[in-house]
Every structure is written in C-alpha cells, then in structure tokens.
Amino acid sequence: MRVGIVGGVDRAEEVYRQLAKQAGFELDFHFGGLAGRGSATLDALVERSDVVVVVTNVNSHAAVWRARKQCKRLGRRLEPKRWLEPWPGRRARAGAR
C-alpha cells in the first residue's frame, strides 16, 4: 500500500519513513506548495497513492481543494487531518503542562 501525505512533514519526514517501513507500506510526500510544478507533483502523488492524507492546518485552501478534487476524480481514499504527528499524544501532553 502506498500512502501520500500532503503538508506538515518537513521536520519529521525521516520519522514517518521509518514508521511506514516498520508497518510495511510506502510513503510519498508533498509539502503542499502549488507554485511552479507544485500542482503537477501533487496530482502525481494522488495518482500513485492508495490513500492520501491531507494535513489541513498547514496547507492552503487551494492545496486541500486540489488534493480533494484529484482524489475524487481518481477514486482515491482521502483522509483529511487537522494535525499529523509521528508521536501520538505529544500535543495532549504539551497542553497539560
């Protein structure tokens, strides 16, 4: 299974890759920018992915809209997430301080 992640992974990309490898699936990343070749690379990510995770808190409306449109057009599963963190519970623990 191939999962595409759109936005929110800049600093944690290697952690996500390690977690994916342990779980037995492949990851592709797009950082959410649509300028230049960004739109074409986002479309290509959706096309080669089985599931597309879009991090809504860090992406522009245009990037979220484009990913959603491409997923619908190609019949891909879309998983919108407000936040995406490789360490579950970190945000909850940080808020408890």
N, C-alpha and C. Protein backbone atom coordinates (compact mmCIF):
# COMPACT_ATOMS: atom_id res chain seq x y z
N MET A 1 0.85 -1.18 0.00
CA MET A 1 0.00 0.00 0.00
C MET A 1 0.89 1.23 0.00
N ARG A 2 0.49 2.22 -0.78
CA ARG A 2 1.23 3.48 -0.84
C ARG A 2 0.35 4.59 -0.28
N VAL A 3 0.91 5.36 0.65
CA VAL A 3 0.22 6.47 1.28
C VAL A 3 0.92 7.76 0.88
N GLY A 4 0.15 8.74 0.46
CA GLY A 4 0.68 10.06 0.16
C GLY A 4 0.30 11.01 1.27
N ILE A 5 1.26 11.81 1.73
CA ILE A 5 1.00 12.81 2.76
C ILE A 5 1.23 14.18 2.15
N VAL A 6 0.24 15.05 2.29
CA VAL A 6 0.32 16.40 1.74
C VAL A 6 0.40 17.38 2.90
N GLY A 7 1.57 18.02 3.06
CA GLY A 7 1.78 19.06 4.06
C GLY A 7 2.11 18.54 5.44
N GLY A 8 2.86 19.37 6.16
CA GLY A 8 3.10 19.13 7.58
C GLY A 8 4.14 18.12 7.96
N VAL A 9 5.05 17.74 7.05
CA VAL A 9 6.01 16.70 7.40
C VAL A 9 7.47 17.14 7.30
N ASP A 10 7.73 18.39 7.06
CA ASP A 10 9.08 18.86 6.79
C ASP A 10 10.12 18.30 7.77
N ARG A 11 9.90 18.54 9.04
CA ARG A 11 10.90 18.17 10.04
C ARG A 11 10.83 16.71 10.47
N ALA A 12 9.75 16.04 10.15
CA ALA A 12 9.58 14.67 10.64
C ALA A 12 9.56 13.64 9.51
N GLU A 13 9.99 14.03 8.33
CA GLU A 13 9.89 13.12 7.19
C GLU A 13 10.60 11.80 7.44
N GLU A 14 11.80 11.82 7.99
CA GLU A 14 12.54 10.58 8.22
C GLU A 14 11.84 9.70 9.25
N VAL A 15 11.23 10.30 10.26
CA VAL A 15 10.49 9.53 11.27
C VAL A 15 9.30 8.83 10.62
N TYR A 16 8.57 9.56 9.76
CA TYR A 16 7.44 8.96 9.05
C TYR A 16 7.89 7.81 8.16
N ARG A 17 9.02 7.98 7.49
CA ARG A 17 9.53 6.91 6.63
C ARG A 17 9.87 5.66 7.43
N GLN A 18 10.48 5.84 8.59
CA GLN A 18 10.81 4.69 9.44
C GLN A 18 9.55 3.99 9.94
N LEU A 19 8.57 4.76 10.37
CA LEU A 19 7.31 4.18 10.84
C LEU A 19 6.60 3.43 9.71
N ALA A 20 6.60 4.00 8.52
CA ALA A 20 5.97 3.34 7.37
C ALA A 20 6.67 2.03 7.03
N LYS A 21 7.99 2.07 7.05
CA LYS A 21 8.75 0.85 6.74
C LYS A 21 8.44 -0.25 7.74
N GLN A 22 8.36 0.10 9.02
CA GLN A 22 8.02 -0.88 10.06
C GLN A 22 6.63 -1.45 9.85
N ALA A 23 5.71 -0.61 9.37
CA ALA A 23 4.32 -1.04 9.16
C ALA A 23 4.13 -1.74 7.82
N GLY A 24 5.12 -1.69 6.94
CA GLY A 24 5.04 -2.40 5.67
C GLY A 24 4.37 -1.66 4.54
N PHE A 25 4.39 -0.34 4.56
CA PHE A 25 3.85 0.39 3.42
C PHE A 25 4.81 1.48 2.98
N GLU A 26 4.53 2.04 1.80
CA GLU A 26 5.38 3.06 1.21
C GLU A 26 4.76 4.44 1.40
N LEU A 27 5.62 5.45 1.54
CA LEU A 27 5.15 6.82 1.70
C LEU A 27 5.67 7.70 0.59
N ASP A 28 4.85 8.65 0.20
CA ASP A 28 5.24 9.75 -0.68
C ASP A 28 4.86 11.03 0.04
N PHE A 29 5.64 12.08 -0.20
CA PHE A 29 5.38 13.36 0.46
C PHE A 29 5.24 14.48 -0.56
N HIS A 30 4.37 15.42 -0.22
CA HIS A 30 4.26 16.68 -0.96
C HIS A 30 4.09 17.75 0.10
N PHE A 31 4.87 18.81 0.01
CA PHE A 31 4.86 19.80 1.08
C PHE A 31 3.75 20.83 0.96
N GLY A 32 2.87 20.68 -0.02
CA GLY A 32 1.67 21.50 -0.09
C GLY A 32 1.77 22.71 -0.99
N GLY A 33 2.95 23.06 -1.46
CA GLY A 33 3.09 24.22 -2.33
C GLY A 33 2.60 23.92 -3.74
N LEU A 34 1.87 24.86 -4.33
CA LEU A 34 1.33 24.65 -5.68
C LEU A 34 2.03 25.49 -6.73
N ALA A 35 2.95 26.36 -6.33
CA ALA A 35 3.66 27.21 -7.28
C ALA A 35 4.58 26.36 -8.16
N GLY A 36 4.89 26.88 -9.32
CA GLY A 36 5.79 26.17 -10.23
C GLY A 36 5.20 24.82 -10.62
N ARG A 37 5.95 23.76 -10.36
CA ARG A 37 5.49 22.39 -10.67
C ARG A 37 4.72 21.77 -9.51
N GLY A 38 4.41 22.54 -8.49
CA GLY A 38 3.72 22.01 -7.31
C GLY A 38 2.39 21.33 -7.60
N SER A 39 1.59 21.95 -8.48
CA SER A 39 0.29 21.35 -8.82
C SER A 39 0.47 20.01 -9.51
N ALA A 40 1.41 19.95 -10.45
CA ALA A 40 1.65 18.70 -11.18
C ALA A 40 2.19 17.61 -10.27
N THR A 41 3.07 17.98 -9.34
CA THR A 41 3.62 16.95 -8.45
C THR A 41 2.58 16.49 -7.44
N LEU A 42 1.67 17.37 -7.04
CA LEU A 42 0.57 16.96 -6.16
C LEU A 42 -0.36 15.99 -6.88
N ASP A 43 -0.70 16.32 -8.12
CA ASP A 43 -1.55 15.43 -8.92
C ASP A 43 -0.90 14.05 -9.08
N ALA A 44 0.41 14.04 -9.32
CA ALA A 44 1.13 12.77 -9.50
C ALA A 44 1.14 11.96 -8.20
N LEU A 45 1.29 12.63 -7.07
CA LEU A 45 1.26 11.94 -5.77
C LEU A 45 -0.09 11.26 -5.57
N VAL A 46 -1.17 11.97 -5.85
CA VAL A 46 -2.51 11.40 -5.69
C VAL A 46 -2.69 10.21 -6.63
N GLU A 47 -2.20 10.35 -7.84
CA GLU A 47 -2.37 9.28 -8.83
C GLU A 47 -1.67 7.98 -8.40
N ARG A 48 -0.49 8.08 -7.78
CA ARG A 48 0.24 6.86 -7.42
C ARG A 48 -0.04 6.37 -6.00
N SER A 49 -0.91 7.06 -5.26
CA SER A 49 -1.21 6.67 -3.88
C SER A 49 -2.53 5.91 -3.78
N ASP A 50 -2.61 5.02 -2.81
CA ASP A 50 -3.87 4.35 -2.50
C ASP A 50 -4.69 5.18 -1.52
N VAL A 51 -4.00 5.84 -0.61
CA VAL A 51 -4.62 6.70 0.40
C VAL A 51 -3.85 8.01 0.42
N VAL A 52 -4.57 9.13 0.52
CA VAL A 52 -3.93 10.44 0.59
C VAL A 52 -4.35 11.11 1.89
N VAL A 53 -3.35 11.45 2.71
CA VAL A 53 -3.58 12.16 3.96
C VAL A 53 -3.25 13.63 3.70
N VAL A 54 -4.22 14.51 3.95
CA VAL A 54 -4.01 15.95 3.75
C VAL A 54 -4.08 16.61 5.12
N VAL A 55 -2.99 17.27 5.49
CA VAL A 55 -2.93 17.98 6.77
C VAL A 55 -3.51 19.37 6.55
N THR A 56 -4.72 19.60 7.07
CA THR A 56 -5.45 20.82 6.75
C THR A 56 -4.94 22.05 7.47
N ASN A 57 -4.34 21.88 8.62
CA ASN A 57 -3.91 23.04 9.41
C ASN A 57 -2.71 23.77 8.79
N VAL A 58 -1.93 23.11 7.96
CA VAL A 58 -0.72 23.72 7.41
C VAL A 58 -0.79 23.94 5.91
N ASN A 59 -1.84 23.50 5.25
CA ASN A 59 -1.97 23.65 3.81
C ASN A 59 -2.90 24.81 3.46
N SER A 60 -2.68 25.38 2.30
CA SER A 60 -3.59 26.41 1.80
C SER A 60 -4.91 25.76 1.41
N HIS A 61 -5.94 26.58 1.32
CA HIS A 61 -7.23 26.07 0.86
C HIS A 61 -7.10 25.48 -0.54
N ALA A 62 -6.26 26.12 -1.37
CA ALA A 62 -6.09 25.64 -2.74
C ALA A 62 -5.47 24.24 -2.77
N ALA A 63 -4.49 23.98 -1.91
CA ALA A 63 -3.85 22.66 -1.90
C ALA A 63 -4.82 21.60 -1.39
N VAL A 64 -5.57 21.92 -0.35
CA VAL A 64 -6.55 20.97 0.18
C VAL A 64 -7.61 20.69 -0.88
N TRP A 65 -8.10 21.75 -1.52
CA TRP A 65 -9.13 21.61 -2.54
C TRP A 65 -8.62 20.76 -3.71
N ARG A 66 -7.40 21.03 -4.17
CA ARG A 66 -6.85 20.29 -5.31
C ARG A 66 -6.68 18.81 -4.98
N ALA A 67 -6.14 18.52 -3.79
CA ALA A 67 -5.96 17.12 -3.39
C ALA A 67 -7.32 16.41 -3.31
N ARG A 68 -8.29 17.09 -2.72
CA ARG A 68 -9.64 16.50 -2.60
C ARG A 68 -10.24 16.24 -3.99
N LYS A 69 -10.11 17.20 -4.88
CA LYS A 69 -10.65 17.06 -6.24
C LYS A 69 -9.98 15.89 -6.97
N GLN A 70 -8.65 15.79 -6.86
CA GLN A 70 -7.94 14.72 -7.55
C GLN A 70 -8.30 13.35 -6.96
N CYS A 71 -8.43 13.27 -5.65
CA CYS A 71 -8.83 12.00 -5.02
C CYS A 71 -10.19 11.55 -5.52
N LYS A 72 -11.11 12.49 -5.57
CA LYS A 72 -12.46 12.15 -6.04
C LYS A 72 -12.42 11.70 -7.51
N ARG A 73 -11.68 12.43 -8.33
CA ARG A 73 -11.59 12.11 -9.75
C ARG A 73 -10.98 10.73 -9.99
N LEU A 74 -9.98 10.37 -9.18
CA LEU A 74 -9.26 9.11 -9.38
C LEU A 74 -9.75 7.97 -8.48
N GLY A 75 -10.71 8.25 -7.62
CA GLY A 75 -11.24 7.21 -6.73
C GLY A 75 -10.29 6.82 -5.61
N ARG A 76 -9.48 7.77 -5.16
CA ARG A 76 -8.55 7.51 -4.07
C ARG A 76 -9.19 7.87 -2.74
N ARG A 77 -8.78 7.16 -1.71
CA ARG A 77 -9.29 7.44 -0.36
C ARG A 77 -8.58 8.68 0.18
N LEU A 78 -9.35 9.64 0.66
CA LEU A 78 -8.83 10.88 1.23
C LEU A 78 -9.01 10.86 2.73
N GLU A 79 -7.96 11.17 3.46
CA GLU A 79 -8.02 11.25 4.92
C GLU A 79 -7.56 12.65 5.34
N PRO A 80 -8.49 13.59 5.48
CA PRO A 80 -8.08 14.92 5.96
C PRO A 80 -7.81 14.87 7.46
N LYS A 81 -6.71 15.46 7.86
CA LYS A 81 -6.32 15.50 9.28
C LYS A 81 -5.94 16.94 9.63
N ARG A 82 -6.42 17.41 10.75
CA ARG A 82 -6.06 18.76 11.17
C ARG A 82 -4.58 18.84 11.50
N TRP A 83 -4.08 17.86 12.23
CA TRP A 83 -2.67 17.76 12.62
C TRP A 83 -2.18 16.38 12.26
N LEU A 84 -0.91 16.25 12.05
CA LEU A 84 -0.31 14.94 11.81
C LEU A 84 1.01 14.91 12.55
N GLU A 85 1.09 14.04 13.52
CA GLU A 85 2.31 13.93 14.32
C GLU A 85 2.74 12.48 14.42
N PRO A 86 4.03 12.23 14.30
CA PRO A 86 4.51 10.85 14.41
C PRO A 86 4.53 10.34 15.84
N TRP A 87 4.33 11.23 16.80
CA TRP A 87 4.37 10.83 18.20
C TRP A 87 3.00 11.06 18.81
N PRO A 88 2.12 10.05 18.79
CA PRO A 88 0.75 10.23 19.30
C PRO A 88 0.75 10.73 20.74
N GLY A 89 -0.12 11.67 21.01
CA GLY A 89 -0.28 12.17 22.37
C GLY A 89 0.64 13.31 22.72
N ARG A 90 1.59 13.64 21.86
CA ARG A 90 2.54 14.71 22.18
C ARG A 90 1.82 16.04 22.40
N ARG A 91 0.87 16.36 21.53
CA ARG A 91 0.14 17.63 21.66
C ARG A 91 -0.67 17.64 22.97
N ALA A 92 -1.29 16.53 23.31
CA ALA A 92 -2.07 16.45 24.55
C ALA A 92 -1.17 16.64 25.77
N ARG A 93 -0.01 15.99 25.76
CA ARG A 93 0.92 16.13 26.89
C ARG A 93 1.44 17.56 26.99
N ALA A 94 1.73 18.19 25.86
CA ALA A 94 2.25 19.56 25.87
C ALA A 94 1.20 20.52 26.43
N GLY A 95 -0.08 20.28 26.12
CA GLY A 95 -1.14 21.13 26.62
C GLY A 95 -1.42 20.96 28.10
N ALA A 96 -1.00 19.82 28.64
CA ALA A 96 -1.27 19.54 30.05
C ALA A 96 -0.28 20.22 30.98
N ARG A 97 0.78 20.80 30.42
CA ARG A 97 1.79 21.46 31.27
C ARG A 97 1.32 22.75 31.82
